[in-house]
Amino acid sequence: MTSRQAYAASFVHNNPTTWSDPSGLKSGALSGGYSAGVCGNIQGGGGGFATVSLCLTKDDTGRRAMVLTYSSAPGVMLGWGISSTSGAFAANGRISEILGPFFVRGVSGGPPPYTGGVDVASAGDVLFAAVSGGLSYGVPLEFHGGPTNTVVVLEDPRYLDDPTLDPIWTFIDLILAVQGFP
């Protein structure tokens, strides 16, 4: 068995005897699971920072939901501007583990009116990484950070199983497949 296979058997594939990788680091989430999603985002500020994201989300158990992430308190923004973007995220926790308060920090920029960004959020051992791109108005480079909260707004399969969403779910499945590759 290669070291990669041992890692996959004990850590990635959720062997409850260790829930740690061979180096001794602990799994980022108690379940050993993961999730991914595609989001639409609006964020902005000048000195302060606010964000709202609506994401179609799926985890490794197959659970699907639409989640809303919003600023739970004013954040800090070095620069000023407003942006409307879309993007994708990956997290080392299942949907139930990415709900609640997180602290987000990130950077975005590009030649106006275009922007792209990278954000990382954390709550305990759960990490959430996102990339996005879209349109903006303001300075060409800004740094932001602050507290957010995430809640489930929809889990009704009558809406989430709509065939027009199939390309998005296929893209999310691709992200999940990459995350689950040992």
Protein backbone atom coordinates (compact mmCIF):
# COMPACT_ATOMS: atom_id res chain seq x y z
CA MET A 1 0.00 0.00 0.00
CA THR A 2 1.46 3.37 -0.97
CA SER A 3 1.54 6.23 1.51
CA ARG A 4 -1.20 7.91 -0.53
CA GLN A 5 -3.42 4.84 -0.21
CA ALA A 6 -2.81 4.67 3.52
CA TYR A 7 -3.69 8.34 3.80
CA ALA A 8 -6.89 7.79 1.82
CA ALA A 9 -7.85 4.73 3.85
CA SER A 10 -7.38 6.39 7.23
CA PHE A 11 -8.18 10.04 6.60
CA VAL A 12 -10.02 10.74 3.37
CA HIS A 13 -12.30 7.72 3.55
CA ASN A 14 -13.23 8.50 7.14
CA ASN A 15 -11.81 5.66 9.18
CA PRO A 16 -13.19 6.58 12.62
CA THR A 17 -10.32 4.91 14.46
CA THR A 18 -7.98 7.83 13.76
CA TRP A 19 -9.63 10.70 11.88
CA SER A 20 -6.14 11.99 11.41
CA ASP A 21 -3.64 11.83 8.64
CA PRO A 22 -0.34 9.94 8.97
CA SER A 23 1.50 13.15 9.90
CA GLY A 24 -0.68 13.52 13.01
CA LEU A 25 -2.67 16.51 11.80
CA LYS A 26 -6.34 16.28 12.63
CA SER A 27 -9.09 16.20 10.04
CA GLY A 28 -10.60 19.63 9.37
CA ALA A 29 -14.09 18.35 10.14
CA LEU A 30 -15.27 15.76 12.60
CA SER A 31 -17.23 13.92 9.92
CA GLY A 32 -14.26 13.74 7.56
CA GLY A 33 -16.66 14.97 4.88
CA TYR A 34 -16.56 17.84 2.45
CA SER A 35 -18.81 20.11 0.39
CA ALA A 36 -18.73 22.37 -2.66
CA GLY A 37 -20.93 24.94 -4.28
CA VAL A 38 -21.54 27.61 -6.87
CA CYS A 39 -22.46 31.10 -5.66
CA GLY A 40 -23.68 34.51 -6.68
CA ASN A 41 -22.14 37.26 -4.53
CA ILE A 42 -22.57 40.93 -3.80
CA GLN A 43 -19.98 42.61 -1.62
CA GLY A 44 -18.61 46.01 -0.99
CA GLY A 45 -17.72 48.82 1.31
CA GLY A 46 -15.26 51.55 2.02
CA GLY A 47 -13.45 51.13 5.30
CA GLY A 48 -16.24 48.72 6.34
CA PHE A 49 -17.16 45.54 4.50
CA ALA A 50 -20.42 43.71 3.84
CA THR A 51 -21.20 40.58 1.82
CA VAL A 52 -24.16 38.47 0.71
CA SER A 53 -23.76 35.15 -1.14
CA LEU A 54 -26.40 32.71 -2.33
CA CYS A 55 -24.95 29.26 -3.11
CA LEU A 56 -26.17 25.98 -4.53
CA THR A 57 -24.32 23.52 -2.32
CA LYS A 58 -23.78 19.76 -2.21
CA ASP A 59 -21.78 17.58 0.15
CA ASP A 60 -20.18 14.16 -0.14
CA THR A 61 -23.29 12.44 1.26
CA GLY A 62 -25.39 13.80 -1.64
CA ARG A 63 -27.25 16.33 0.51
CA ARG A 64 -28.13 19.41 -1.55
CA ALA A 65 -29.22 22.84 -0.36
CA MET A 66 -29.28 26.50 -1.22
CA VAL A 67 -27.39 28.38 1.47
CA LEU A 68 -27.17 32.09 2.22
CA THR A 69 -24.03 33.66 3.66
CA TYR A 70 -24.24 37.23 4.92
CA SER A 71 -22.24 39.66 7.02
CA SER A 72 -23.13 39.15 10.65
CA ALA A 73 -21.30 42.32 11.74
CA PRO A 74 -19.34 45.07 10.01
CA GLY A 75 -16.02 43.96 8.61
CA VAL A 76 -12.94 45.87 7.50
CA MET A 77 -12.08 46.78 3.92
CA LEU A 78 -8.82 48.37 2.81
CA GLY A 79 -9.96 50.18 -0.32
CA TRP A 80 -13.48 50.84 -1.48
CA GLY A 81 -15.87 49.48 -4.02
CA ILE A 82 -18.79 47.25 -4.78
CA SER A 83 -18.79 44.04 -6.80
CA SER A 84 -21.21 41.52 -8.19
CA THR A 85 -19.54 38.20 -8.86
CA SER A 86 -20.13 34.50 -9.28
CA GLY A 87 -17.79 31.80 -8.16
CA ALA A 88 -17.22 28.39 -6.67
CA PHE A 89 -16.17 27.14 -3.26
CA ALA A 90 -14.87 24.02 -1.58
CA ALA A 91 -14.98 23.25 2.15
CA ASN A 92 -13.65 20.47 4.35
CA GLY A 93 -16.99 20.08 6.12
CA ARG A 94 -20.43 18.83 5.16
CA ILE A 95 -23.37 21.21 4.80
CA SER A 96 -24.26 20.87 8.49
CA GLU A 97 -20.67 21.84 9.38
CA ILE A 98 -20.46 24.95 7.17
CA LEU A 99 -23.54 26.55 8.73
CA GLY A 100 -23.24 29.25 11.36
CA PRO A 101 -20.62 31.90 12.02
CA PHE A 102 -17.33 32.08 10.12
CA PHE A 103 -14.62 34.70 9.81
CA VAL A 104 -13.84 35.54 6.18
CA ARG A 105 -10.78 37.24 4.76
CA GLY A 106 -9.93 37.86 1.14
CA VAL A 107 -8.58 39.97 -1.65
CA SER A 108 -10.08 41.01 -4.95
CA GLY A 109 -8.98 43.14 -7.83
CA GLY A 110 -8.66 43.63 -11.51
CA PRO A 111 -8.88 46.35 -14.13
CA PRO A 112 -12.26 48.08 -13.64
CA PRO A 113 -14.97 47.12 -14.39
CA TYR A 114 -13.72 43.54 -14.00
CA THR A 115 -12.71 41.85 -10.78
CA GLY A 116 -11.65 38.49 -9.47
CA GLY A 117 -11.11 37.40 -5.95
CA VAL A 118 -10.06 34.75 -3.47
CA ASP A 119 -11.65 34.32 -0.05
CA VAL A 120 -10.88 31.97 2.82
CA ALA A 121 -13.28 31.54 5.74
CA SER A 122 -12.77 29.55 8.90
CA ALA A 123 -14.65 28.41 11.97
CA GLY A 124 -12.68 26.11 14.22
CA ASP A 125 -11.19 23.36 12.08
CA VAL A 126 -13.53 23.92 9.12
CA LEU A 127 -12.03 25.85 6.20
CA PHE A 128 -13.93 27.27 3.26
CA ALA A 129 -12.06 28.50 0.15
CA ALA A 130 -13.72 30.39 -2.70
CA VAL A 131 -12.77 31.96 -6.00
CA SER A 132 -14.93 34.42 -7.90
CA GLY A 133 -15.03 36.76 -10.83
CA GLY A 134 -17.38 39.44 -12.08
CA LEU A 135 -17.92 43.17 -12.30
CA SER A 136 -16.91 45.89 -9.88
CA TYR A 137 -16.83 49.61 -9.33
CA GLY A 138 -14.13 51.12 -7.15
CA VAL A 139 -10.43 50.73 -6.56
CA PRO A 140 -8.67 48.04 -8.63
CA LEU A 141 -7.38 46.17 -5.55
CA GLU A 142 -8.91 45.71 -2.11
CA PHE A 143 -8.47 43.54 0.97
CA HIS A 144 -11.40 42.62 3.20
CA GLY A 145 -12.30 40.61 6.27
CA GLY A 146 -15.05 40.18 8.81
CA PRO A 147 -17.58 37.90 10.44
CA THR A 148 -20.27 36.12 8.39
CA ASN A 149 -23.11 33.72 9.08
CA THR A 150 -24.41 30.90 6.84
CA VAL A 151 -27.94 29.45 6.89
CA VAL A 152 -29.90 26.98 4.74
CA VAL A 153 -32.64 28.79 2.82
CA LEU A 154 -33.90 25.93 0.62
CA GLU A 155 -33.69 22.14 0.58
CA ASP A 156 -36.89 21.38 -1.31
CA PRO A 157 -36.10 18.88 -4.10
CA ARG A 158 -38.98 20.27 -6.18
CA TYR A 159 -36.75 23.30 -6.80
CA LEU A 160 -33.26 21.85 -6.46
CA ASP A 161 -34.00 19.01 -8.92
CA ASP A 162 -35.06 21.44 -11.66
CA PRO A 163 -33.41 20.27 -14.92
CA THR A 164 -32.17 23.79 -15.67
CA LEU A 165 -29.82 23.41 -12.68
CA ASP A 166 -28.25 20.18 -14.01
CA PRO A 167 -25.15 21.92 -15.47
CA ILE A 168 -24.49 23.59 -12.11
CA TRP A 169 -24.89 20.30 -10.20
CA THR A 170 -22.55 18.62 -12.69
CA PHE A 171 -19.91 21.30 -12.07
CA ILE A 172 -20.35 20.91 -8.30
CA ASP A 173 -20.00 17.12 -8.68
CA LEU A 174 -16.69 17.74 -10.46
CA ILE A 175 -15.42 19.82 -7.53
CA LEU A 176 -16.55 17.11 -5.11
CA ALA A 177 -14.80 14.44 -7.20
CA VAL A 178 -11.54 16.38 -7.04
CA GLN A 179 -11.90 16.83 -3.28
CA GLY A 180 -12.53 13.11 -2.80
CA PHE A 181 -9.61 11.96 -4.94
CA PRO A 182 -7.06 10.31 -2.65
